[in-house]
């Protein structure tokens, strides 16, 4: 398995994202476009990113300095734990409240209040576990 959030890992995530109807199709319905970074707490920049256009990931790879709409950070053990079990809304709320999941960019509160975005966001963690 490629290192978490490496270029190869992010490309695998792209494939899994685009194959998951509860993620890609759901976000396509609302015309979701975004650039999302993923990485580890305490590091200056994320490790990997995806570009989502119309709900589908059109680019993925090692982070290259681009501007991000979302920048999510956690320690590696937390990421891997969330990939293996259904995070759910309660788990997500606890992760943010306790600081295990940090948003260096992006409006978590607005996103979580919109079920059209919250459901796919939760699903993205399970999809990461398939990489």
C-alpha atoms as a PDB file:
ATOM      1  CA  UNK A   1       0.000   0.000   0.000  1.00  0.00           C
ATOM      2  CA  UNK A   2       1.273   3.474  -0.874  1.00  0.00           C
ATOM      3  CA  UNK A   3       2.064   5.917   1.926  1.00  0.00           C
ATOM      4  CA  UNK A   4      -0.975   7.776   3.203  1.00  0.00           C
ATOM      5  CA  UNK A   5      -1.656  10.882   1.052  1.00  0.00           C
ATOM      6  CA  UNK A   6       1.296  10.199  -1.273  1.00  0.00           C
ATOM      7  CA  UNK A   7       0.860  10.864  -5.003  1.00  0.00           C
ATOM      8  CA  UNK A   8       0.038   7.186  -5.674  1.00  0.00           C
ATOM      9  CA  UNK A   9      -2.360   7.006  -2.718  1.00  0.00           C
ATOM     10  CA  UNK A  10      -4.210  10.145  -3.833  1.00  0.00           C
ATOM     11  CA  UNK A  11      -4.611   8.744  -7.365  1.00  0.00           C
ATOM     12  CA  UNK A  12      -6.084   5.578  -5.838  1.00  0.00           C
ATOM     13  CA  UNK A  13      -8.441   7.750  -3.790  1.00  0.00           C
ATOM     14  CA  UNK A  14      -9.479   9.547  -6.990  1.00  0.00           C
ATOM     15  CA  UNK A  15     -10.454   6.244  -8.591  1.00  0.00           C
ATOM     16  CA  UNK A  16     -12.374   5.048  -5.536  1.00  0.00           C
ATOM     17  CA  UNK A  17     -14.157   8.423  -5.150  1.00  0.00           C
ATOM     18  CA  UNK A  18     -15.310   8.458  -8.757  1.00  0.00           C
ATOM     19  CA  UNK A  19     -16.593   4.864  -8.502  1.00  0.00           C
ATOM     20  CA  UNK A  20     -18.724   5.587  -5.400  1.00  0.00           C
ATOM     21  CA  UNK A  21     -22.245   6.804  -6.298  1.00  0.00           C
ATOM     22  CA  UNK A  22     -22.975   8.013  -2.747  1.00  0.00           C
ATOM     23  CA  UNK A  23     -20.031  10.367  -3.136  1.00  0.00           C
ATOM     24  CA  UNK A  24     -19.474  11.332  -6.780  1.00  0.00           C
ATOM     25  CA  UNK A  25     -23.086  11.153  -7.954  1.00  0.00           C
ATOM     26  CA  UNK A  26     -24.450  12.830  -4.827  1.00  0.00           C
ATOM     27  CA  UNK A  27     -22.016  15.744  -5.179  1.00  0.00           C
ATOM     28  CA  UNK A  28     -22.622  15.947  -8.943  1.00  0.00           C
ATOM     29  CA  UNK A  29     -26.297  16.654  -8.203  1.00  0.00           C
ATOM     30  CA  UNK A  30     -25.337  19.857  -6.378  1.00  0.00           C
ATOM     31  CA  UNK A  31     -22.538  20.825  -8.763  1.00  0.00           C
ATOM     32  CA  UNK A  32     -19.875  20.544  -6.063  1.00  0.00           C
ATOM     33  CA  UNK A  33     -16.482  21.990  -7.064  1.00  0.00           C
ATOM     34  CA  UNK A  34     -13.580  22.226  -4.639  1.00  0.00           C
ATOM     35  CA  UNK A  35      -9.869  21.688  -4.049  1.00  0.00           C
ATOM     36  CA  UNK A  36      -9.313  19.613  -0.916  1.00  0.00           C
ATOM     37  CA  UNK A  37      -6.040  19.026   0.895  1.00  0.00           C
ATOM     38  CA  UNK A  38      -5.313  16.157   3.267  1.00  0.00           C
ATOM     39  CA  UNK A  39      -2.445  15.872   5.691  1.00  0.00           C
ATOM     40  CA  UNK A  40      -1.122  15.608   9.187  1.00  0.00           C
ATOM     41  CA  UNK A  41      -1.451  17.980  12.120  1.00  0.00           C
ATOM     42  CA  UNK A  42       1.664  19.997  12.859  1.00  0.00           C
ATOM     43  CA  UNK A  43       2.941  20.025   9.264  1.00  0.00           C
ATOM     44  CA  UNK A  44       3.206  23.257   7.297  1.00  0.00           C
ATOM     45  CA  UNK A  45       1.258  21.979   4.317  1.00  0.00           C
ATOM     46  CA  UNK A  46      -0.935  19.038   3.399  1.00  0.00           C
ATOM     47  CA  UNK A  47       0.562  15.919   1.844  1.00  0.00           C
ATOM     48  CA  UNK A  48      -2.006  15.344  -0.900  1.00  0.00           C
ATOM     49  CA  UNK A  49      -4.904  17.020  -2.660  1.00  0.00           C
ATOM     50  CA  UNK A  50      -7.856  16.363  -4.922  1.00  0.00           C
ATOM     51  CA  UNK A  51      -9.636  18.694  -7.318  1.00  0.00           C
ATOM     52  CA  UNK A  52     -13.368  18.019  -7.507  1.00  0.00           C
ATOM     53  CA  UNK A  53     -15.355  19.341 -10.454  1.00  0.00           C
ATOM     54  CA  UNK A  54     -19.046  18.594 -10.711  1.00  0.00           C
ATOM     55  CA  UNK A  55     -18.748  16.012  -7.937  1.00  0.00           C
ATOM     56  CA  UNK A  56     -15.984  13.989  -9.651  1.00  0.00           C
ATOM     57  CA  UNK A  57     -12.283  14.071  -8.855  1.00  0.00           C
ATOM     58  CA  UNK A  58     -10.505  15.382 -11.955  1.00  0.00           C
ATOM     59  CA  UNK A  59      -7.011  15.741 -10.447  1.00  0.00           C
ATOM     60  CA  UNK A  60      -5.277  14.079  -7.529  1.00  0.00           C
ATOM     61  CA  UNK A  61      -1.746  13.814  -6.293  1.00  0.00           C
ATOM     62  CA  UNK A  62       0.936  15.079  -3.974  1.00  0.00           C
ATOM     63  CA  UNK A  63       0.211  18.601  -2.767  1.00  0.00           C
ATOM     64  CA  UNK A  64       1.771  21.158  -5.092  1.00  0.00           C
ATOM     65  CA  UNK A  65       1.168  24.495  -3.408  1.00  0.00           C
ATOM     66  CA  UNK A  66      -2.204  25.280  -4.962  1.00  0.00           C
ATOM     67  CA  UNK A  67      -4.858  27.231  -3.107  1.00  0.00           C
ATOM     68  CA  UNK A  68      -7.241  25.006  -1.154  1.00  0.00           C
ATOM     69  CA  UNK A  69     -10.915  25.391  -0.364  1.00  0.00           C
ATOM     70  CA  UNK A  70     -10.578  22.720   2.315  1.00  0.00           C
ATOM     71  CA  UNK A  71      -7.500  21.619   4.254  1.00  0.00           C
ATOM     72  CA  UNK A  72      -8.061  18.773   6.690  1.00  0.00           C
ATOM     73  CA  UNK A  73      -5.492  17.526   9.183  1.00  0.00           C
ATOM     74  CA  UNK A  74      -5.286  14.738  11.731  1.00  0.00           C
ATOM     75  CA  UNK A  75      -2.607  12.406  13.014  1.00  0.00           C
ATOM     76  CA  UNK A  76      -2.013   9.250  10.988  1.00  0.00           C
ATOM     77  CA  UNK A  77      -3.505   6.907  13.591  1.00  0.00           C
ATOM     78  CA  UNK A  78      -6.756   8.887  13.617  1.00  0.00           C
ATOM     79  CA  UNK A  79      -7.002   8.917   9.824  1.00  0.00           C
ATOM     80  CA  UNK A  80      -6.502   5.157   9.674  1.00  0.00           C
ATOM     81  CA  UNK A  81      -9.042   4.555  12.455  1.00  0.00           C
ATOM     82  CA  UNK A  82     -11.670   6.593  10.592  1.00  0.00           C
ATOM     83  CA  UNK A  83     -11.009   4.655   7.388  1.00  0.00           C
ATOM     84  CA  UNK A  84     -11.723   1.339   9.117  1.00  0.00           C
ATOM     85  CA  UNK A  85     -14.989   2.141  10.874  1.00  0.00           C
ATOM     86  CA  UNK A  86     -18.079   4.105  10.006  1.00  0.00           C
ATOM     87  CA  UNK A  87     -17.302   7.576  11.310  1.00  0.00           C
ATOM     88  CA  UNK A  88     -20.919   8.803  11.281  1.00  0.00           C
ATOM     89  CA  UNK A  89     -22.131  12.281  12.161  1.00  0.00           C
ATOM     90  CA  UNK A  90     -21.564  11.823  15.886  1.00  0.00           C
ATOM     91  CA  UNK A  91     -18.017  10.562  15.402  1.00  0.00           C
ATOM     92  CA  UNK A  92     -17.252  13.395  13.030  1.00  0.00           C
ATOM     93  CA  UNK A  93     -18.584  15.964  15.490  1.00  0.00           C
ATOM     94  CA  UNK A  94     -16.502  14.453  18.285  1.00  0.00           C
ATOM     95  CA  UNK A  95     -13.377  14.380  16.104  1.00  0.00           C
ATOM     96  CA  UNK A  96     -13.732  18.091  15.368  1.00  0.00           C
ATOM     97  CA  UNK A  97     -14.768  19.056  18.907  1.00  0.00           C
ATOM     98  CA  UNK A  98     -11.837  17.224  20.492  1.00  0.00           C
ATOM     99  CA  UNK A  99      -9.369  18.595  17.929  1.00  0.00           C
ATOM    100  CA  UNK A 100      -8.527  15.210  16.413  1.00  0.00           C
ATOM    101  CA  UNK A 101      -9.692  16.535  13.039  1.00  0.00           C
ATOM    102  CA  UNK A 102      -8.658  20.090  12.184  1.00  0.00           C
ATOM    103  CA  UNK A 103      -9.868  22.222   9.310  1.00  0.00           C
ATOM    104  CA  UNK A 104      -7.097  24.638   8.354  1.00  0.00           C
ATOM    105  CA  UNK A 105      -9.357  25.851   5.534  1.00  0.00           C
ATOM    106  CA  UNK A 106     -13.052  25.350   4.862  1.00  0.00           C
ATOM    107  CA  UNK A 107     -16.278  26.036   6.729  1.00  0.00           C
ATOM    108  CA  UNK A 108     -16.998  22.833   8.623  1.00  0.00           C
ATOM    109  CA  UNK A 109     -20.122  24.216  10.337  1.00  0.00           C
ATOM    110  CA  UNK A 110     -21.768  25.293   7.076  1.00  0.00           C
ATOM    111  CA  UNK A 111     -20.919  21.974   5.398  1.00  0.00           C
ATOM    112  CA  UNK A 112     -22.201  19.781   8.206  1.00  0.00           C
ATOM    113  CA  UNK A 113     -25.534  21.653   8.302  1.00  0.00           C
ATOM    114  CA  UNK A 114     -26.183  20.823   4.639  1.00  0.00           C
ATOM    115  CA  UNK A 115     -27.200  17.146   4.326  1.00  0.00           C
ATOM    116  CA  UNK A 116     -26.382  17.229   0.594  1.00  0.00           C
ATOM    117  CA  UNK A 117     -22.744  17.780   1.584  1.00  0.00           C
ATOM    118  CA  UNK A 118     -22.543  16.142   5.011  1.00  0.00           C
ATOM    119  CA  UNK A 119     -23.554  12.661   3.829  1.00  0.00           C
ATOM    120  CA  UNK A 120     -20.966  12.517   1.032  1.00  0.00           C
ATOM    121  CA  UNK A 121     -18.323  14.004   3.356  1.00  0.00           C
ATOM    122  CA  UNK A 122     -18.869  11.174   5.848  1.00  0.00           C
ATOM    123  CA  UNK A 123     -18.819   8.662   2.971  1.00  0.00           C
ATOM    124  CA  UNK A 124     -15.419   9.969   1.827  1.00  0.00           C
ATOM    125  CA  UNK A 125     -13.795   8.458   4.925  1.00  0.00           C
ATOM    126  CA  UNK A 126     -15.072   4.976   4.086  1.00  0.00           C
ATOM    127  CA  UNK A 127     -13.913   5.449   0.499  1.00  0.00           C
ATOM    128  CA  UNK A 128     -10.426   6.338   1.753  1.00  0.00           C
ATOM    129  CA  UNK A 129     -10.356   2.971   3.487  1.00  0.00           C
ATOM    130  CA  UNK A 130     -10.609   1.246   0.089  1.00  0.00           C
ATOM    131  CA  UNK A 131      -7.347   2.728  -1.201  1.00  0.00           C
END
